[in-house]
Amino acid sequence: MTTVALIGANGYVGKAIGHALSALTEYKVTAVTRLNYSEKKADSYDIIINSAMPSARFKAKNDPTWDYQETVAKTAEIVYGWRYKKLIQISTVSARCQLDTVYGRNKVAAEKLCDFGNNLIVRLGAMYSGDLTKGVLVDMLQGKKVFVHGDSRYCFASLEFVSAWIARNLHRSGVVEVGGRDAVSLQEISVHMGTPIEFEGSLDHQEIHHPESDFPAARDVLDFLDTWKR
């Protein structure tokens, strides 16, 4: 049986990955949180999944030192301080398309630490699920101003799809971007919702490079929003 340490197991993405892995009998998963991190670090694993990097873009902008510590320094601690055969780094498409931001630069710096051997770096696009509590979709549903241009295109995919894809593809290596096979603009979402949204800011396209054939359509998010609003 393949042993897996899932770091960040209580987070938004980590919890979903853990649920997806629990359905696969070939993996023995150890959930790693802040509470048991030091204890579990003493063991060795076939695979480590690092899903603990923060997704707080605005906090990264306002507190670059905090974001560096939580993203780059803690990834380095895992890379050099844990014992494993393979590392899977859960990252974001911001590591490619937001290099003009602290958040994006720190994400790519963390990726570079993991880019060796048969490791896998998974860059995620925008996601949605029933327990979503923050992000552009929540802001739009609440009628808040969105601080990017309305024509910005996002490759939305459900958290359920993304976590299941990761669980099925632990054998892969290199850099893979996972999300919608196409993209939908925020303005199109606003029109579909029938809610006037004020957009302010520059274009922020977050589209997947080289989408695979089984990736979902980004416009599935419209059906999700219809159900979620009800």
Protein backbone atom coordinates (compact mmCIF):
# COMPACT_ATOMS: atom_id res chain seq x y z
CA MET A 1 0.00 0.00 0.00
CA THR A 2 1.27 3.48 -0.90
CA THR A 3 1.64 5.80 2.07
CA VAL A 4 0.58 9.41 1.56
CA ALA A 5 1.02 12.41 3.86
CA LEU A 6 -1.59 15.05 3.05
CA ILE A 7 -0.31 18.35 4.44
CA GLY A 8 -3.03 20.95 4.84
CA ALA A 9 -5.68 18.26 5.26
CA ASN A 10 -8.17 20.63 6.91
CA GLY A 11 -8.00 23.25 4.15
CA TYR A 12 -10.48 23.89 1.35
CA VAL A 13 -8.58 21.85 -1.24
CA GLY A 14 -6.84 19.48 1.18
CA LYS A 15 -10.07 18.26 2.73
CA ALA A 16 -11.50 17.50 -0.73
CA ILE A 17 -8.34 15.65 -1.79
CA GLY A 18 -8.52 13.58 1.38
CA HIS A 19 -12.12 12.66 0.65
CA ALA A 20 -11.25 11.65 -2.92
CA LEU A 21 -8.30 9.53 -1.78
CA SER A 22 -10.43 7.77 0.84
CA ALA A 23 -12.32 6.05 -1.99
CA LEU A 24 -9.11 4.51 -3.37
CA THR A 25 -7.95 1.41 -1.54
CA GLU A 26 -4.33 1.55 -2.75
CA TYR A 27 -3.47 4.56 -0.56
CA LYS A 28 -2.95 4.85 3.19
CA VAL A 29 -3.44 8.55 3.90
CA THR A 30 -2.11 10.42 6.91
CA ALA A 31 -3.88 13.74 7.45
CA VAL A 32 -1.38 16.41 8.48
CA THR A 33 -2.59 19.63 10.12
CA ARG A 34 -0.97 22.38 12.17
CA LEU A 35 -1.75 20.37 15.32
CA ASN A 36 0.14 17.19 14.36
CA TYR A 37 2.67 18.59 11.86
CA SER A 38 5.76 18.05 14.05
CA GLU A 39 4.68 14.55 15.02
CA LYS A 40 4.00 13.37 11.47
CA LYS A 41 7.18 14.97 10.13
CA ALA A 42 9.18 12.27 11.95
CA ASP A 43 7.79 9.51 9.69
CA SER A 44 8.65 8.71 6.06
CA TYR A 45 6.17 8.46 3.18
CA ASP A 46 5.95 7.29 -0.40
CA ILE A 47 4.14 10.52 -1.40
CA ILE A 48 3.71 13.90 0.23
CA ILE A 49 0.93 16.19 -1.01
CA ASN A 50 1.43 19.81 -0.01
CA SER A 51 -1.98 21.48 -0.14
CA ALA A 52 -1.17 23.95 2.62
CA MET A 53 -0.14 27.05 0.65
CA PRO A 54 -2.44 30.04 1.33
CA SER A 55 -4.82 31.44 -1.30
CA ALA A 56 -5.10 34.93 0.19
CA ARG A 57 -4.17 37.15 -2.76
CA PHE A 58 -5.05 40.46 -1.11
CA LYS A 59 -3.32 39.56 2.14
CA ALA A 60 -0.23 38.64 0.12
CA LYS A 61 -0.28 42.10 -1.46
CA ASN A 62 -0.64 43.84 1.90
CA ASP A 63 1.77 41.59 3.82
CA PRO A 64 4.42 40.17 1.46
CA THR A 65 6.56 38.87 4.32
CA TRP A 66 3.70 36.76 5.67
CA ASP A 67 2.96 35.33 2.22
CA TYR A 68 6.63 34.50 1.62
CA GLN A 69 6.85 32.70 4.94
CA GLU A 70 3.62 30.73 4.43
CA THR A 71 4.33 29.91 0.77
CA VAL A 72 8.04 29.72 0.01
CA ALA A 73 9.64 29.14 3.43
CA LYS A 74 7.16 26.45 4.47
CA THR A 75 7.45 24.68 1.12
CA ALA A 76 11.24 24.67 1.57
CA GLU A 77 10.78 23.15 5.01
CA ILE A 78 8.73 20.31 3.48
CA VAL A 79 11.11 19.78 0.55
CA TYR A 80 14.24 19.59 2.72
CA GLY A 81 12.87 18.55 6.10
CA TRP A 82 10.52 15.64 5.33
CA ARG A 83 11.36 12.13 4.10
CA TYR A 84 9.54 10.99 0.98
CA LYS A 85 9.93 9.45 -2.46
CA LYS A 86 7.69 11.87 -4.33
CA LEU A 87 6.28 15.34 -3.66
CA ILE A 88 3.06 16.73 -5.11
CA GLN A 89 2.80 20.50 -4.83
CA ILE A 90 -0.70 21.96 -5.07
CA SER A 91 -0.16 25.35 -6.69
CA THR A 92 -2.16 27.78 -8.82
CA VAL A 93 -2.25 29.17 -12.36
CA SER A 94 -1.24 32.46 -10.72
CA ALA A 95 2.31 31.04 -10.79
CA ARG A 96 2.16 31.62 -14.54
CA CYS A 97 -0.35 34.39 -15.17
CA GLN A 98 0.11 36.71 -12.15
CA LEU A 99 3.85 37.20 -12.02
CA ASP A 100 3.28 40.93 -11.57
CA THR A 101 1.93 40.20 -8.06
CA VAL A 102 3.55 39.11 -4.79
CA TYR A 103 1.14 36.18 -4.69
CA GLY A 104 2.10 34.88 -8.12
CA ARG A 105 5.85 35.38 -7.64
CA ASN A 106 5.85 33.52 -4.34
CA LYS A 107 3.85 30.65 -5.84
CA VAL A 108 6.32 30.18 -8.69
CA ALA A 109 9.24 30.44 -6.26
CA ALA A 110 7.72 27.63 -4.21
CA GLU A 111 7.20 25.59 -7.39
CA LYS A 112 10.87 25.89 -8.30
CA LEU A 113 11.80 24.27 -5.00
CA CYS A 114 9.73 21.21 -5.97
CA ASP A 115 10.75 20.95 -9.62
CA PHE A 116 13.03 17.90 -9.56
CA GLY A 117 12.86 14.13 -9.96
CA ASN A 118 9.41 12.66 -10.55
CA ASN A 119 7.58 15.29 -8.51
CA LEU A 120 4.25 16.68 -9.68
CA ILE A 121 3.18 20.33 -9.57
CA VAL A 122 -0.57 20.84 -9.99
CA ARG A 123 -1.63 24.37 -10.88
CA LEU A 124 -5.30 24.94 -10.12
CA GLY A 125 -7.64 27.41 -11.73
CA ALA A 126 -10.72 28.99 -10.12
CA MET A 127 -12.91 26.47 -8.31
CA TYR A 128 -16.39 26.28 -6.85
CA SER A 129 -18.28 24.10 -4.39
CA GLY A 130 -21.26 24.25 -2.08
CA ASP A 131 -19.13 25.26 0.91
CA LEU A 132 -17.32 28.12 -0.83
CA THR A 133 -16.94 31.04 1.58
CA LYS A 134 -14.71 33.52 -0.25
CA GLY A 135 -13.56 34.52 -3.71
CA VAL A 136 -14.95 36.23 -6.75
CA LEU A 137 -18.12 34.11 -6.97
CA VAL A 138 -19.05 34.84 -3.36
CA ASP A 139 -18.40 38.56 -3.89
CA MET A 140 -20.61 38.57 -6.99
CA LEU A 141 -23.44 36.72 -5.25
CA GLN A 142 -23.28 39.28 -2.47
CA GLY A 143 -23.33 42.17 -4.96
CA LYS A 144 -19.90 43.43 -3.93
CA LYS A 145 -17.51 45.32 -6.17
CA VAL A 146 -15.06 43.02 -7.94
CA PHE A 147 -11.56 44.44 -8.27
CA VAL A 148 -10.68 43.08 -11.72
CA HIS A 149 -11.93 43.91 -15.21
CA GLY A 150 -15.28 42.33 -16.07
CA ASP A 151 -13.85 40.79 -19.25
CA SER A 152 -11.39 38.71 -17.20
CA ARG A 153 -11.73 35.05 -18.19
CA TYR A 154 -11.59 32.25 -15.62
CA CYS A 155 -11.48 28.49 -16.22
CA PHE A 156 -13.89 27.47 -13.45
CA ALA A 157 -14.09 23.82 -12.39
CA SER A 158 -15.79 22.17 -9.45
CA LEU A 159 -13.72 21.29 -6.40
CA GLU A 160 -15.13 17.77 -6.66
CA PHE A 161 -13.70 17.33 -10.16
CA VAL A 162 -10.32 18.84 -9.25
CA SER A 163 -9.82 16.74 -6.12
CA ALA A 164 -10.87 13.54 -7.92
CA TRP A 165 -8.45 14.34 -10.76
CA ILE A 166 -5.59 14.78 -8.29
CA ALA A 167 -6.42 11.51 -6.51
CA ARG A 168 -6.42 9.63 -9.84
CA ASN A 169 -3.17 11.15 -11.09
CA LEU A 170 -0.65 10.86 -8.27
CA HIS A 171 1.54 8.85 -10.64
CA ARG A 172 2.14 11.79 -12.98
CA SER A 173 5.09 14.16 -12.91
CA GLY A 174 6.03 17.60 -14.19
CA VAL A 175 3.67 20.59 -14.23
CA VAL A 176 -0.02 20.14 -15.03
CA GLU A 177 -2.70 22.84 -15.00
CA VAL A 178 -6.14 21.61 -13.96
CA GLY A 179 -9.47 23.39 -14.38
CA GLY A 180 -12.05 24.12 -17.03
CA ARG A 181 -11.19 23.16 -20.60
CA ASP A 182 -12.33 26.62 -21.67
CA ALA A 183 -13.10 29.88 -19.88
CA VAL A 184 -15.98 32.20 -19.06
CA SER A 185 -15.80 35.93 -18.38
CA LEU A 186 -16.90 37.45 -15.09
CA GLN A 187 -19.16 39.82 -17.01
CA GLU A 188 -20.91 36.83 -18.60
CA ILE A 189 -21.49 35.38 -15.15
CA SER A 190 -22.87 38.70 -13.93
CA VAL A 191 -25.33 38.86 -16.83
CA HIS A 192 -26.42 35.27 -16.24
CA MET A 193 -27.03 35.99 -12.55
CA GLY A 194 -29.08 39.06 -13.42
CA THR A 195 -27.13 40.99 -10.82
CA PRO A 196 -25.42 44.26 -11.76
CA ILE A 197 -21.82 44.04 -10.59
CA GLU A 198 -19.33 46.89 -10.49
CA PHE A 199 -15.96 45.83 -11.87
CA GLU A 200 -12.82 47.88 -11.29
CA GLY A 201 -9.30 46.90 -12.24
CA SER A 202 -7.16 45.43 -14.98
CA LEU A 203 -7.71 42.28 -17.00
CA ASP A 204 -6.92 39.15 -15.00
CA HIS A 205 -7.20 36.18 -17.36
CA GLN A 206 -6.70 32.87 -15.51
CA GLU A 207 -7.05 30.32 -18.28
CA ILE A 208 -5.65 26.79 -18.29
CA HIS A 209 -2.79 25.97 -20.65
CA HIS A 210 -3.10 22.66 -22.50
CA PRO A 211 -6.44 21.50 -21.03
CA GLU A 212 -7.08 17.77 -21.22
CA SER A 213 -10.07 16.13 -22.88
CA ASP A 214 -11.77 15.15 -19.62
CA PHE A 215 -11.69 18.66 -18.15
CA PRO A 216 -15.18 20.15 -17.62
CA ALA A 217 -16.69 23.15 -19.37
CA ALA A 218 -16.15 26.37 -17.43
CA ARG A 219 -19.78 27.38 -18.06
CA ASP A 220 -20.88 24.55 -15.77
CA VAL A 221 -20.37 27.16 -13.08
CA LEU A 222 -23.54 28.89 -14.32
CA ASP A 223 -25.67 25.85 -13.50
CA PHE A 224 -23.95 25.61 -10.12
CA LEU A 225 -24.76 29.26 -9.35
CA ASP A 226 -28.41 28.75 -10.32
CA THR A 227 -28.67 25.89 -7.84
CA TRP A 228 -26.62 27.60 -5.14
CA LYS A 229 -28.78 30.73 -5.20
CA ARG A 230 -31.86 28.61 -4.59
